[in-house]
Each structure stands twice: as C-alpha cells, then as structure tokens.
Amino acid sequence: MGRGLPAVEMASPVLDTSFLAYLREMGASETIARGETSSLISRLRAQIAGIQPVYADKMREGLQGIGDEFENRGLLRSGRRLTEQSRYQRDVTREKLGAENDINDRIQGASTSLAATIAAGRRGRAEAELMARQRSAIDNAEAGL
C-alpha cells in the first residue's frame, strides 16, 4: 500500500457489488481461457503423435521405392543407391521436424496468449479493486465514517 490516500487504502472493496460481479466474471473468463487453451494444446500434441506413423510410413515406402528402383536397374549394390536413400531420409526427417516445429510453435503461441489474457485480467482486477476502494471511501466519507 502506501501509494494513495489513506481513506482509499483502508476502504474495503469486498462489499462493493460491482467489484464482486467483476471478480466472478474474471474468474469465469480465466477458467474458460485455461480450459480452451488446455484443450487446444492437447489436440496439438495429439497431432504431433499422429504424424509419427505417417512419416514412418513415408520413410519406409520411400526407401523401399528407391531400393526397388535401383534393383530394377541392376544397381542394387551401387553406392549411389545408398546416397539416394540417405538424401531421401534426410529430406523426410527435415520435413517431419518442420511439421513438429510448426505445431510446437502453435502450442507456444497458445500458452503465450493465455498468459497475456491472465495478465490483462489481473491488471483489470487491480484497477477494479482500486475503483471499488475509492467508491467505498467516498461512501464512508459521505456517511461520516
């Protein structure tokens, strides 16, 4: 405390009905935001888990396709087949990591957005509490308290 007028600091916002309504609204809003963010993050994490088998299948089929192509051309034992398979493996791994990074960026964005929403709500709560204290101090002054 120690920042404002003593009468305002001593005033209690607890009995101010508009402040109490604001607190209920803020609590409900924060709960909803937390729930929605948690649900979104769960869905995004499920997407990450879901891309694992997709890229594993892509990798297996692609490597097999390269092997089959070189076998059909009679070059199965050539070093070029291994080079092509390594290049394919690198490209698919890079693609998979890119997809995972995109999803992780969305998870981080959701978390950041939630934190900003909560911070704004808490700033609003502090302002609402100050206004309630001011109203209470004025009411007390008018009542001669």
C-alpha atoms as a PDB file:
ATOM      1  CA  MET A   1       0.000   0.000   0.000  1.00  0.00           C
ATOM      2  CA  GLY A   2       1.331   3.482   0.802  1.00  0.00           C
ATOM      3  CA  ARG A   3       0.694   4.770  -2.725  1.00  0.00           C
ATOM      4  CA  GLY A   4      -2.630   6.527  -2.371  1.00  0.00           C
ATOM      5  CA  LEU A   5      -4.857   8.291   0.083  1.00  0.00           C
ATOM      6  CA  PRO A   6      -5.218   6.533   3.466  1.00  0.00           C
ATOM      7  CA  ALA A   7      -9.023   6.612   3.293  1.00  0.00           C
ATOM      8  CA  VAL A   8      -8.934   4.838  -0.074  1.00  0.00           C
ATOM      9  CA  GLU A   9      -6.348   2.296   1.104  1.00  0.00           C
ATOM     10  CA  MET A  10      -8.367   1.488   4.206  1.00  0.00           C
ATOM     11  CA  ALA A  11     -11.640   1.124   2.314  1.00  0.00           C
ATOM     12  CA  SER A  12     -12.693  -2.449   1.679  1.00  0.00           C
ATOM     13  CA  PRO A  13     -13.831  -3.379  -1.832  1.00  0.00           C
ATOM     14  CA  VAL A  14     -15.279  -6.665  -0.566  1.00  0.00           C
ATOM     15  CA  LEU A  15     -18.766  -5.248  -0.052  1.00  0.00           C
ATOM     16  CA  ASP A  16     -18.872  -3.476  -3.406  1.00  0.00           C
ATOM     17  CA  THR A  17     -21.321  -5.484  -5.532  1.00  0.00           C
ATOM     18  CA  SER A  18     -19.896  -4.320  -8.862  1.00  0.00           C
ATOM     19  CA  PHE A  19     -16.421  -5.417  -7.747  1.00  0.00           C
ATOM     20  CA  LEU A  20     -17.742  -8.804  -6.665  1.00  0.00           C
ATOM     21  CA  ALA A  21     -19.513  -9.197 -10.013  1.00  0.00           C
ATOM     22  CA  TYR A  22     -16.285  -8.302 -11.780  1.00  0.00           C
ATOM     23  CA  LEU A  23     -14.380 -10.929  -9.776  1.00  0.00           C
ATOM     24  CA  ARG A  24     -16.932 -13.606 -10.709  1.00  0.00           C
ATOM     25  CA  GLU A  25     -16.720 -12.637 -14.369  1.00  0.00           C
ATOM     26  CA  MET A  26     -12.914 -12.564 -14.305  1.00  0.00           C
ATOM     27  CA  GLY A  27     -12.735 -15.956 -12.593  1.00  0.00           C
ATOM     28  CA  ALA A  28     -15.107 -17.486 -15.109  1.00  0.00           C
ATOM     29  CA  SER A  29     -13.236 -15.928 -18.040  1.00  0.00           C
ATOM     30  CA  GLU A  30      -9.886 -17.171 -16.760  1.00  0.00           C
ATOM     31  CA  THR A  31     -11.271 -20.652 -16.189  1.00  0.00           C
ATOM     32  CA  ILE A  32     -12.723 -20.755 -19.704  1.00  0.00           C
ATOM     33  CA  ALA A  33      -9.464 -19.463 -21.232  1.00  0.00           C
ATOM     34  CA  ARG A  34      -7.429 -22.050 -19.319  1.00  0.00           C
ATOM     35  CA  GLY A  35      -9.800 -24.838 -20.405  1.00  0.00           C
ATOM     36  CA  GLU A  36      -9.798 -23.818 -24.059  1.00  0.00           C
ATOM     37  CA  THR A  37      -6.016 -23.482 -24.107  1.00  0.00           C
ATOM     38  CA  SER A  38      -5.541 -26.833 -22.397  1.00  0.00           C
ATOM     39  CA  SER A  39      -7.863 -28.468 -24.923  1.00  0.00           C
ATOM     40  CA  LEU A  40      -6.050 -26.850 -27.859  1.00  0.00           C
ATOM     41  CA  ILE A  41      -2.648 -27.915 -26.537  1.00  0.00           C
ATOM     42  CA  SER A  42      -3.899 -31.483 -26.057  1.00  0.00           C
ATOM     43  CA  ARG A  43      -5.176 -31.583 -29.633  1.00  0.00           C
ATOM     44  CA  LEU A  44      -1.894 -30.177 -30.951  1.00  0.00           C
ATOM     45  CA  ARG A  45       0.143 -32.726 -29.001  1.00  0.00           C
ATOM     46  CA  ALA A  46      -2.081 -35.440 -30.444  1.00  0.00           C
ATOM     47  CA  GLN A  47      -1.249 -34.087 -33.907  1.00  0.00           C
ATOM     48  CA  ILE A  48       2.452 -34.455 -33.147  1.00  0.00           C
ATOM     49  CA  ALA A  49       1.875 -38.044 -32.053  1.00  0.00           C
ATOM     50  CA  GLY A  50      -0.263 -38.597 -35.157  1.00  0.00           C
ATOM     51  CA  ILE A  51       2.416 -37.501 -37.604  1.00  0.00           C
ATOM     52  CA  GLN A  52       4.924 -40.024 -36.247  1.00  0.00           C
ATOM     53  CA  PRO A  53       3.391 -43.049 -38.023  1.00  0.00           C
ATOM     54  CA  VAL A  54       2.670 -41.018 -41.174  1.00  0.00           C
ATOM     55  CA  TYR A  55       6.317 -40.059 -41.565  1.00  0.00           C
ATOM     56  CA  ALA A  56       7.490 -43.546 -40.557  1.00  0.00           C
ATOM     57  CA  ASP A  57       5.342 -44.997 -43.374  1.00  0.00           C
ATOM     58  CA  LYS A  58       6.574 -42.350 -45.797  1.00  0.00           C
ATOM     59  CA  MET A  59      10.171 -43.122 -44.847  1.00  0.00           C
ATOM     60  CA  ARG A  60       9.759 -46.888 -45.184  1.00  0.00           C
ATOM     61  CA  GLU A  61       7.906 -46.683 -48.506  1.00  0.00           C
ATOM     62  CA  GLY A  62      10.314 -44.122 -49.946  1.00  0.00           C
ATOM     63  CA  LEU A  63      13.419 -46.076 -49.004  1.00  0.00           C
ATOM     64  CA  GLN A  64      11.857 -49.262 -50.364  1.00  0.00           C
ATOM     65  CA  GLY A  65      10.939 -47.455 -53.575  1.00  0.00           C
ATOM     66  CA  ILE A  66      14.491 -46.227 -54.055  1.00  0.00           C
ATOM     67  CA  GLY A  67      15.826 -49.737 -53.374  1.00  0.00           C
ATOM     68  CA  ASP A  68      13.357 -51.269 -55.830  1.00  0.00           C
ATOM     69  CA  GLU A  69      14.251 -48.716 -58.496  1.00  0.00           C
ATOM     70  CA  PHE A  70      17.960 -49.436 -58.197  1.00  0.00           C
ATOM     71  CA  GLU A  71      17.301 -53.190 -58.136  1.00  0.00           C
ATOM     72  CA  ASN A  72      15.239 -52.951 -61.342  1.00  0.00           C
ATOM     73  CA  ARG A  73      18.087 -51.074 -62.974  1.00  0.00           C
ATOM     74  CA  GLY A  74      20.612 -53.656 -61.768  1.00  0.00           C
ATOM     75  CA  LEU A  75      22.348 -51.175 -59.478  1.00  0.00           C
ATOM     76  CA  LEU A  76      21.262 -52.546 -56.094  1.00  0.00           C
ATOM     77  CA  ARG A  77      24.795 -52.772 -54.734  1.00  0.00           C
ATOM     78  CA  SER A  78      25.893 -49.391 -56.004  1.00  0.00           C
ATOM     79  CA  GLY A  79      26.917 -46.650 -53.649  1.00  0.00           C
ATOM     80  CA  ARG A  80      24.558 -44.347 -55.471  1.00  0.00           C
ATOM     81  CA  ARG A  81      21.530 -46.211 -54.040  1.00  0.00           C
ATOM     82  CA  LEU A  82      22.800 -45.585 -50.514  1.00  0.00           C
ATOM     83  CA  THR A  83      23.415 -41.937 -51.335  1.00  0.00           C
ATOM     84  CA  GLU A  84      19.874 -41.540 -52.702  1.00  0.00           C
ATOM     85  CA  GLN A  85      18.372 -43.310 -49.676  1.00  0.00           C
ATOM     86  CA  SER A  86      20.393 -41.117 -47.302  1.00  0.00           C
ATOM     87  CA  ARG A  87      19.274 -37.988 -49.114  1.00  0.00           C
ATOM     88  CA  TYR A  88      15.652 -39.151 -49.003  1.00  0.00           C
ATOM     89  CA  GLN A  89      15.957 -39.990 -45.310  1.00  0.00           C
ATOM     90  CA  ARG A  90      17.398 -36.536 -44.602  1.00  0.00           C
ATOM     91  CA  ASP A  91      14.636 -34.795 -46.558  1.00  0.00           C
ATOM     92  CA  VAL A  92      11.809 -36.717 -44.865  1.00  0.00           C
ATOM     93  CA  THR A  93      13.361 -36.175 -41.422  1.00  0.00           C
ATOM     94  CA  ARG A  94      13.680 -32.448 -42.145  1.00  0.00           C
ATOM     95  CA  GLU A  95      10.041 -32.328 -43.321  1.00  0.00           C
ATOM     96  CA  LYS A  96       8.856 -34.168 -40.186  1.00  0.00           C
ATOM     97  CA  LEU A  97      10.830 -31.869 -37.891  1.00  0.00           C
ATOM     98  CA  GLY A  98       9.395 -28.853 -39.697  1.00  0.00           C
ATOM     99  CA  ALA A  99       5.861 -30.127 -39.140  1.00  0.00           C
ATOM    100  CA  GLU A 100       6.600 -30.808 -35.468  1.00  0.00           C
ATOM    101  CA  ASN A 101       8.163 -27.348 -35.058  1.00  0.00           C
ATOM    102  CA  ASP A 102       5.104 -25.711 -36.603  1.00  0.00           C
ATOM    103  CA  ILE A 103       2.852 -27.494 -34.130  1.00  0.00           C
ATOM    104  CA  ASN A 104       5.170 -26.676 -31.214  1.00  0.00           C
ATOM    105  CA  ASP A 105       5.103 -23.014 -32.287  1.00  0.00           C
ATOM    106  CA  ARG A 106       1.298 -23.121 -32.143  1.00  0.00           C
ATOM    107  CA  ILE A 107       1.477 -24.659 -28.659  1.00  0.00           C
ATOM    108  CA  GLN A 108       3.847 -21.901 -27.528  1.00  0.00           C
ATOM    109  CA  GLY A 109       1.584 -19.276 -29.073  1.00  0.00           C
ATOM    110  CA  ALA A 110      -1.427 -20.650 -27.218  1.00  0.00           C
ATOM    111  CA  SER A 111       0.493 -20.621 -23.936  1.00  0.00           C
ATOM    112  CA  THR A 112       1.700 -17.067 -24.544  1.00  0.00           C
ATOM    113  CA  SER A 113      -1.806 -15.913 -25.420  1.00  0.00           C
ATOM    114  CA  LEU A 114      -3.192 -17.489 -22.242  1.00  0.00           C
ATOM    115  CA  ALA A 115      -0.529 -15.774 -20.137  1.00  0.00           C
ATOM    116  CA  ALA A 116      -1.369 -12.420 -21.752  1.00  0.00           C
ATOM    117  CA  THR A 117      -5.089 -12.957 -21.139  1.00  0.00           C
ATOM    118  CA  ILE A 118      -4.480 -13.795 -17.475  1.00  0.00           C
ATOM    119  CA  ALA A 119      -2.144 -10.808 -17.023  1.00  0.00           C
ATOM    120  CA  ALA A 120      -4.714  -8.455 -18.574  1.00  0.00           C
ATOM    121  CA  GLY A 121      -7.384  -9.871 -16.278  1.00  0.00           C
ATOM    122  CA  ARG A 122      -5.207  -9.328 -13.238  1.00  0.00           C
ATOM    123  CA  ARG A 123      -4.438  -5.756 -14.276  1.00  0.00           C
ATOM    124  CA  GLY A 124      -8.164  -5.226 -14.706  1.00  0.00           C
ATOM    125  CA  ARG A 125      -8.771  -6.729 -11.272  1.00  0.00           C
ATOM    126  CA  ALA A 126      -6.295  -4.331  -9.677  1.00  0.00           C
ATOM    127  CA  GLU A 127      -7.985  -1.380 -11.396  1.00  0.00           C
ATOM    128  CA  ALA A 128     -11.435  -2.608 -10.411  1.00  0.00           C
ATOM    129  CA  GLU A 129     -10.286  -3.072  -6.820  1.00  0.00           C
ATOM    130  CA  LEU A 130      -8.921   0.480  -6.710  1.00  0.00           C
ATOM    131  CA  MET A 131     -12.182   1.843  -8.093  1.00  0.00           C
ATOM    132  CA  ALA A 132     -14.151  -0.188  -5.531  1.00  0.00           C
ATOM    133  CA  ARG A 133     -11.939   1.146  -2.748  1.00  0.00           C
ATOM    134  CA  GLN A 134     -12.477   4.679  -3.987  1.00  0.00           C
ATOM    135  CA  ARG A 135     -16.260   4.179  -4.080  1.00  0.00           C
ATOM    136  CA  SER A 136     -16.154   2.706  -0.588  1.00  0.00           C
ATOM    137  CA  ALA A 137     -14.054   5.588   0.739  1.00  0.00           C
ATOM    138  CA  ILE A 138     -16.455   8.115  -0.780  1.00  0.00           C
ATOM    139  CA  ASP A 139     -19.452   6.244   0.667  1.00  0.00           C
ATOM    140  CA  ASN A 140     -17.750   6.154   4.094  1.00  0.00           C
ATOM    141  CA  ALA A 141     -16.901   9.844   3.906  1.00  0.00           C
ATOM    142  CA  GLU A 142     -20.487  10.738   2.986  1.00  0.00           C
ATOM    143  CA  ALA A 143     -21.739   8.591   5.870  1.00  0.00           C
ATOM    144  CA  GLY A 144     -19.369  10.375   8.265  1.00  0.00           C
ATOM    145  CA  LEU A 145     -17.224   7.301   8.956  1.00  0.00           C
END
